[in-house]
């Protein structure tokens, strides 16, 4: 993990190497952000310092902001939509509300981390992982696939968070990759195997440390936050075998609204988020995965090329069927 000194160096670098370009310093951008203020405000403020551009941010739930954009249409004041997940981006894209991004921007991001038509690109990645107690489970005992968790040996030993949005996105991905029938069978198998329900990801990590469960299904960065304050925190995490649905990497991403009169300025903001310095912030401070090469790695994150070899193969844009996932969870009796 990076030391605080490295953080100061990086932030100093942000000040010393401003963005270039012909931009009207008096211009203002309106950003709809599904990313939380506590995470991204430092980057937005840095962009304002470098360019003199004011960014008016409307923070909110990603799904609700996407719905607002689709309701507002061409009358939306937003120039940019920075979403928490690919499903919301896909929904807005399907309505034809995004402008096509330049090829040079698209090519900075791996193909599976951007829309095929160039309407949005990822800004960072968040992986689903297998968290476990190294005191009670050896690496040899770890399941190779998320589907193995329905086996008798894991009865009453697993924790999950079915009401959490990231878990629901994972189920959506499983439905896409493995099919509706197998996804339903897995959910029913987990329920019958006594999977313990938690409100969100953090309690899963805490339950692992307390000995309540031996296996959990959170996002990768929750454990890293515990490790930051306690390197000996008694929980570890890993991935399933390559291409397993349990290895979903969802993305935060951004698109420019076609209706905006500030296309060039908005593009500068997208370029900033894909710059090495902004990507370094995501890696060092937020513990997320970068979406470009050339970023100093966080020792607790596997390199991006290695991560891409593990992720399930499907189109992130198809993850907008949240209603189908919620219906399935209700059908199984989990919600």
Protein backbone atom coordinates (compact mmCIF):
# COMPACT_ATOMS: atom_id res chain seq x y z
CA UNK A 1 0.00 0.00 0.00
CA UNK A 2 1.27 3.47 -0.78
CA UNK A 3 2.55 5.59 2.05
CA UNK A 4 1.02 8.99 2.73
CA UNK A 5 4.19 10.63 1.44
CA UNK A 6 3.50 9.18 -1.99
CA UNK A 7 0.04 10.75 -1.89
CA UNK A 8 1.51 14.19 -1.25
CA UNK A 9 3.92 13.75 -4.14
CA UNK A 10 1.08 12.78 -6.45
CA UNK A 11 -1.10 15.70 -5.41
CA UNK A 12 1.86 18.04 -5.90
CA UNK A 13 2.30 16.58 -9.38
CA UNK A 14 -1.30 17.45 -10.13
CA UNK A 15 -0.52 21.10 -9.39
CA UNK A 16 2.73 21.21 -11.36
CA UNK A 17 1.47 19.63 -14.58
CA UNK A 18 -1.83 21.26 -15.55
CA UNK A 19 -3.96 20.23 -18.49
CA UNK A 20 -3.23 22.03 -21.73
CA UNK A 21 -5.73 23.05 -24.37
CA UNK A 22 -7.76 25.95 -25.66
CA UNK A 23 -10.50 26.33 -23.07
CA UNK A 24 -12.60 29.28 -22.04
CA UNK A 25 -11.64 29.77 -18.38
CA UNK A 26 -15.01 31.32 -17.65
CA UNK A 27 -16.90 28.30 -18.89
CA UNK A 28 -18.99 26.16 -16.54
CA UNK A 29 -19.78 22.47 -16.73
CA UNK A 30 -22.75 20.73 -15.15
CA UNK A 31 -21.90 17.20 -14.04
CA UNK A 32 -24.39 14.58 -12.91
CA UNK A 33 -22.35 12.33 -10.61
CA UNK A 34 -23.41 8.93 -9.32
CA UNK A 35 -20.01 8.74 -7.68
CA UNK A 36 -20.05 9.86 -4.05
CA UNK A 37 -18.79 13.30 -3.15
CA UNK A 38 -16.33 11.99 -0.57
CA UNK A 39 -14.54 9.95 -3.23
CA UNK A 40 -14.37 12.24 -6.24
CA UNK A 41 -14.54 15.81 -4.97
CA UNK A 42 -10.72 16.10 -4.67
CA UNK A 43 -10.35 15.26 -8.38
CA UNK A 44 -13.07 17.68 -9.45
CA UNK A 45 -11.50 20.46 -7.42
CA UNK A 46 -8.12 19.72 -8.98
CA UNK A 47 -9.62 19.94 -12.47
CA UNK A 48 -11.09 23.32 -11.58
CA UNK A 49 -7.71 24.56 -10.32
CA UNK A 50 -5.90 23.41 -13.44
CA UNK A 51 -8.35 24.80 -15.97
CA UNK A 52 -10.23 27.64 -14.29
CA UNK A 53 -13.46 25.89 -15.29
CA UNK A 54 -16.24 25.69 -12.72
CA UNK A 55 -17.85 22.27 -12.35
CA UNK A 56 -21.37 22.38 -10.98
CA UNK A 57 -21.99 18.91 -9.58
CA UNK A 58 -25.34 17.25 -8.93
CA UNK A 59 -24.60 14.22 -6.76
CA UNK A 60 -27.14 11.43 -6.48
CA UNK A 61 -28.00 7.78 -6.95
CA UNK A 62 -26.70 6.58 -10.31
CA UNK A 63 -29.97 4.94 -11.32
CA UNK A 64 -32.00 8.00 -10.37
CA UNK A 65 -29.67 10.33 -12.26
CA UNK A 66 -29.94 8.14 -15.35
CA UNK A 67 -33.73 8.29 -15.07
CA UNK A 68 -33.54 12.08 -14.74
CA UNK A 69 -31.44 12.35 -17.88
CA UNK A 70 -33.87 10.22 -19.84
CA UNK A 71 -36.76 12.37 -18.62
CA UNK A 72 -35.00 15.66 -19.33
CA UNK A 73 -33.78 14.60 -22.76
CA UNK A 74 -32.38 17.46 -24.83
CA UNK A 75 -33.43 19.95 -22.15
CA UNK A 76 -31.04 18.51 -19.57
CA UNK A 77 -28.57 21.01 -18.12
CA UNK A 78 -25.97 18.24 -17.77
CA UNK A 79 -22.88 18.18 -19.94
CA UNK A 80 -21.54 14.97 -18.39
CA UNK A 81 -22.87 11.86 -16.66
CA UNK A 82 -20.40 10.11 -14.36
CA UNK A 83 -22.08 6.85 -13.38
CA UNK A 84 -21.33 4.28 -10.71
CA UNK A 85 -22.04 1.30 -12.96
CA UNK A 86 -22.22 0.21 -16.58
CA UNK A 87 -25.91 -0.57 -16.48
CA UNK A 88 -26.91 3.06 -15.99
CA UNK A 89 -24.52 4.16 -18.73
CA UNK A 90 -26.01 1.55 -21.05
CA UNK A 91 -29.53 2.76 -20.34
CA UNK A 92 -28.66 6.36 -21.20
CA UNK A 93 -26.73 5.23 -24.26
CA UNK A 94 -29.69 3.24 -25.57
CA UNK A 95 -31.76 6.44 -25.49
CA UNK A 96 -29.20 8.05 -27.81
CA UNK A 97 -28.35 10.80 -25.34
CA UNK A 98 -24.56 10.50 -25.44
CA UNK A 99 -22.24 12.05 -28.02
CA UNK A 100 -19.64 9.78 -29.59
CA UNK A 101 -16.24 10.16 -27.97
CA UNK A 102 -13.14 10.66 -30.16
CA UNK A 103 -11.26 7.53 -31.17
CA UNK A 104 -8.19 8.76 -29.28
CA UNK A 105 -10.18 8.74 -26.04
CA UNK A 106 -11.78 5.37 -26.71
CA UNK A 107 -8.46 3.73 -27.47
CA UNK A 108 -7.06 4.66 -24.05
CA UNK A 109 -9.44 2.16 -22.43
CA UNK A 110 -9.61 -1.63 -23.02
CA UNK A 111 -12.44 -2.63 -25.37
CA UNK A 112 -14.39 -4.43 -22.64
CA UNK A 113 -14.32 -1.27 -20.50
CA UNK A 114 -16.08 1.00 -23.01
CA UNK A 115 -19.20 1.07 -25.13
CA UNK A 116 -18.76 -0.44 -28.58
CA UNK A 117 -20.27 2.65 -30.21
CA UNK A 118 -17.95 5.03 -28.34
CA UNK A 119 -20.66 6.70 -26.27
CA UNK A 120 -18.96 6.18 -22.89
CA UNK A 121 -15.72 4.95 -21.35
CA UNK A 122 -14.87 3.52 -17.96
CA UNK A 123 -12.97 5.66 -15.46
CA UNK A 124 -12.13 2.95 -12.90
CA UNK A 125 -12.96 -0.67 -12.09
CA UNK A 126 -14.39 -2.48 -9.06
CA UNK A 127 -14.04 -6.24 -8.81
CA UNK A 128 -16.15 -8.87 -7.09
CA UNK A 129 -13.95 -11.19 -5.07
CA UNK A 130 -13.98 -14.23 -2.82
CA UNK A 131 -13.13 -13.06 0.72
CA UNK A 132 -12.25 -15.70 3.29
CA UNK A 133 -10.72 -16.46 6.67
CA UNK A 134 -7.13 -17.70 6.19
CA UNK A 135 -7.27 -19.00 9.77
CA UNK A 136 -10.10 -21.43 8.95
CA UNK A 137 -9.65 -22.11 5.23
CA UNK A 138 -6.50 -23.10 3.37
CA UNK A 139 -5.84 -21.93 -0.18
CA UNK A 140 -6.20 -25.54 -1.34
CA UNK A 141 -9.77 -25.63 0.00
CA UNK A 142 -10.89 -22.49 -1.78
CA UNK A 143 -13.60 -23.00 -4.43
CA UNK A 144 -12.53 -22.51 -8.03
CA UNK A 145 -15.96 -21.24 -9.12
CA UNK A 146 -18.76 -19.30 -7.49
CA UNK A 147 -21.03 -22.20 -8.46
CA UNK A 148 -19.14 -24.48 -6.04
CA UNK A 149 -20.46 -22.49 -3.08
CA UNK A 150 -23.68 -24.50 -3.15
CA UNK A 151 -21.76 -27.63 -2.16
CA UNK A 152 -22.49 -29.16 1.31
CA UNK A 153 -19.03 -28.28 2.66
CA UNK A 154 -19.98 -24.58 2.63
CA UNK A 155 -23.30 -24.96 4.43
CA UNK A 156 -23.88 -22.11 6.93
CA UNK A 157 -20.38 -20.73 6.22
CA UNK A 158 -21.10 -18.08 3.54
CA UNK A 159 -22.06 -14.43 3.76
CA UNK A 160 -23.70 -12.33 1.03
CA UNK A 161 -25.62 -9.05 0.62
CA UNK A 162 -28.56 -9.62 -1.78
CA UNK A 163 -29.95 -6.09 -1.33
CA UNK A 164 -26.65 -4.48 -2.25
CA UNK A 165 -26.46 -2.95 -5.74
CA UNK A 166 -23.08 -4.51 -6.51
CA UNK A 167 -24.40 -7.97 -5.63
CA UNK A 168 -27.42 -7.41 -7.86
CA UNK A 169 -25.12 -6.34 -10.70
CA UNK A 170 -23.19 -9.59 -10.18
CA UNK A 171 -26.42 -11.60 -10.44
CA UNK A 172 -27.29 -9.71 -13.62
CA UNK A 173 -23.90 -10.67 -15.04
CA UNK A 174 -24.46 -14.31 -14.04
CA UNK A 175 -27.84 -14.31 -15.81
CA UNK A 176 -26.17 -12.96 -18.94
CA UNK A 177 -23.23 -15.34 -18.92
CA UNK A 178 -24.67 -18.57 -17.53
CA UNK A 179 -28.34 -18.14 -18.36
CA UNK A 180 -31.50 -17.50 -16.36
CA UNK A 181 -32.01 -21.13 -15.33
CA UNK A 182 -28.53 -21.66 -13.93
CA UNK A 183 -28.59 -18.31 -12.12
CA UNK A 184 -31.88 -19.25 -10.46
CA UNK A 185 -30.52 -22.68 -9.51
CA UNK A 186 -27.47 -21.05 -7.94
CA UNK A 187 -29.54 -18.59 -5.92
CA UNK A 188 -31.81 -21.36 -4.66
CA UNK A 189 -28.79 -23.52 -3.85
CA UNK A 190 -27.18 -20.72 -1.86
CA UNK A 191 -30.38 -20.10 0.06
CA UNK A 192 -30.76 -23.80 0.86
CA UNK A 193 -27.10 -23.91 1.87
CA UNK A 194 -27.77 -21.38 4.62
CA UNK A 195 -26.02 -18.33 3.16
CA UNK A 196 -26.17 -15.58 5.78
CA UNK A 197 -27.59 -12.24 4.67
CA UNK A 198 -25.89 -8.92 5.47
CA UNK A 199 -27.07 -5.41 4.65
CA UNK A 200 -23.96 -4.51 2.68
CA UNK A 201 -20.33 -5.43 2.05
CA UNK A 202 -18.62 -3.99 5.13
CA UNK A 203 -20.49 -6.25 7.60
CA UNK A 204 -19.41 -9.26 5.52
CA UNK A 205 -15.76 -8.39 6.12
CA UNK A 206 -16.43 -7.81 9.81
CA UNK A 207 -18.29 -11.13 10.09
CA UNK A 208 -15.33 -12.97 8.55
CA UNK A 209 -12.98 -11.45 11.10
CA UNK A 210 -15.38 -12.28 13.95
CA UNK A 211 -15.70 -15.92 12.92
CA UNK A 212 -19.40 -15.73 12.01
CA UNK A 213 -18.70 -16.96 8.48
CA UNK A 214 -15.73 -18.40 6.59
CA UNK A 215 -16.49 -17.18 3.05
CA UNK A 216 -17.93 -13.90 1.73
CA UNK A 217 -18.81 -12.26 -1.59
CA UNK A 218 -17.95 -8.52 -1.41
CA UNK A 219 -16.29 -5.98 -3.69
CA UNK A 220 -12.53 -5.95 -3.52
CA UNK A 221 -11.86 -2.56 -1.91
CA UNK A 222 -13.75 -3.10 1.35
CA UNK A 223 -11.09 -5.37 2.78
CA UNK A 224 -8.36 -2.98 1.63
CA UNK A 225 -9.88 -0.21 3.75
CA UNK A 226 -9.60 -2.45 6.81
CA UNK A 227 -6.04 -3.41 5.86
CA UNK A 228 -5.09 0.26 5.59
CA UNK A 229 -5.60 0.75 9.33
CA UNK A 230 -4.63 -2.78 10.36
CA UNK A 231 -2.24 -4.72 8.12
CA UNK A 232 -2.87 -7.85 10.20
CA UNK A 233 -6.64 -7.79 9.82
CA UNK A 234 -7.51 -11.54 9.73
CA UNK A 235 -9.23 -11.69 6.33
CA UNK A 236 -7.86 -12.43 2.86
CA UNK A 237 -9.37 -12.36 -0.61
CA UNK A 238 -8.82 -13.86 -4.03
CA UNK A 239 -10.49 -14.47 -7.38
CA UNK A 240 -12.22 -17.52 -8.81
CA UNK A 241 -10.93 -19.21 -11.96
CA UNK A 242 -10.70 -17.17 -15.15
CA UNK A 243 -13.98 -16.14 -16.78
CA UNK A 244 -16.05 -17.14 -13.74
CA UNK A 245 -19.15 -14.97 -13.09
CA UNK A 246 -17.85 -14.42 -9.57
CA UNK A 247 -15.03 -12.29 -11.00
CA UNK A 248 -17.29 -9.54 -12.30
CA UNK A 249 -15.48 -6.24 -12.76
CA UNK A 250 -18.05 -3.49 -12.96
CA UNK A 251 -16.97 0.00 -13.87
CA UNK A 252 -17.59 3.59 -13.06
CA UNK A 253 -17.74 5.44 -16.36
CA UNK A 254 -18.52 8.73 -18.04
CA UNK A 255 -20.26 10.03 -21.13
CA UNK A 256 -20.86 13.45 -22.69
CA UNK A 257 -24.45 14.50 -23.30
CA UNK A 258 -25.18 15.10 -26.96
CA UNK A 259 -27.40 18.06 -26.06
CA UNK A 260 -24.64 19.97 -24.25
CA UNK A 261 -23.25 23.18 -25.75
CA UNK A 262 -19.94 22.57 -24.01
CA UNK A 263 -18.68 19.52 -25.89
CA UNK A 264 -14.99 20.51 -26.03
CA UNK A 265 -14.84 21.51 -22.40
CA UNK A 266 -16.64 18.34 -21.34
CA UNK A 267 -14.16 16.31 -23.36
CA UNK A 268 -11.33 17.94 -21.42
CA UNK A 269 -12.86 16.65 -18.20
CA UNK A 270 -13.04 13.12 -19.63
CA UNK A 271 -9.39 13.39 -20.70
CA UNK A 272 -8.49 14.49 -17.18
CA UNK A 273 -10.16 11.43 -15.62
CA UNK A 274 -8.22 9.18 -17.98
CA UNK A 275 -4.90 10.89 -17.27
CA UNK A 276 -2.21 9.02 -15.37
CA UNK A 277 -2.46 11.37 -12.40
CA UNK A 278 -6.24 10.96 -11.99
CA UNK A 279 -5.97 7.20 -12.46
CA UNK A 280 -3.24 7.15 -9.83
CA UNK A 281 -5.65 8.81 -7.42
CA UNK A 282 -8.21 6.04 -7.98
CA UNK A 283 -5.58 3.39 -7.37
CA UNK A 284 -3.82 4.95 -4.37
CA UNK A 285 -6.67 6.63 -2.53
CA UNK A 286 -9.86 4.82 -3.54
CA UNK A 287 -8.28 1.35 -4.04
CA UNK A 288 -9.99 0.90 -7.41
CA UNK A 289 -8.50 -0.55 -10.57
CA UNK A 290 -7.12 1.76 -13.27
CA UNK A 291 -8.42 1.56 -16.82
CA UNK A 292 -5.22 2.75 -18.53
CA UNK A 293 -1.63 1.54 -18.59
CA UNK A 294 1.25 3.38 -16.98
CA UNK A 295 -0.16 3.72 -13.46
CA UNK A 296 2.05 2.92 -10.47
CA UNK A 297 0.47 -0.24 -9.06
CA UNK A 298 -0.98 -0.58 -5.61
CA UNK A 299 0.63 -3.61 -3.99
CA UNK A 300 -2.82 -4.81 -2.93
CA UNK A 301 -4.23 -4.79 -6.48
CA UNK A 302 -3.24 -7.20 -9.22
CA UNK A 303 -2.01 -5.53 -12.44
CA UNK A 304 -4.69 -4.56 -14.95
CA UNK A 305 -3.50 -7.02 -17.67
CA UNK A 306 -3.75 -9.88 -15.16
CA UNK A 307 -7.19 -8.72 -14.04
CA UNK A 308 -8.48 -8.67 -17.62
CA UNK A 309 -7.53 -12.33 -18.00
CA UNK A 310 -9.82 -13.24 -15.09
CA UNK A 311 -13.00 -11.31 -15.83
CA UNK A 312 -16.11 -12.95 -17.33
CA UNK A 313 -16.63 -12.13 -20.99
CA UNK A 314 -19.82 -10.25 -21.82
CA UNK A 315 -20.98 -6.79 -22.83
CA UNK A 316 -21.23 -4.49 -19.81
CA UNK A 317 -23.88 -2.50 -21.67
CA UNK A 318 -26.30 -5.38 -21.29
CA UNK A 319 -26.26 -5.03 -17.50
CA UNK A 320 -29.16 -2.59 -17.50
CA UNK A 321 -31.76 -5.30 -16.82
CA UNK A 322 -31.94 -4.62 -13.11
CA UNK A 323 -35.69 -5.24 -13.04
CA UNK A 324 -35.16 -8.77 -14.33
CA UNK A 325 -32.64 -9.43 -11.57
CA UNK A 326 -34.89 -8.01 -8.85
CA UNK A 327 -37.76 -10.13 -10.14
CA UNK A 328 -35.59 -13.25 -9.95
CA UNK A 329 -34.43 -12.46 -6.41
CA UNK A 330 -38.04 -12.00 -5.34
CA UNK A 331 -39.04 -15.22 -7.06
CA UNK A 332 -36.41 -17.15 -5.15
CA UNK A 333 -37.46 -15.46 -1.91
CA UNK A 334 -34.23 -13.62 -1.23
CA UNK A 335 -35.73 -10.13 -1.35
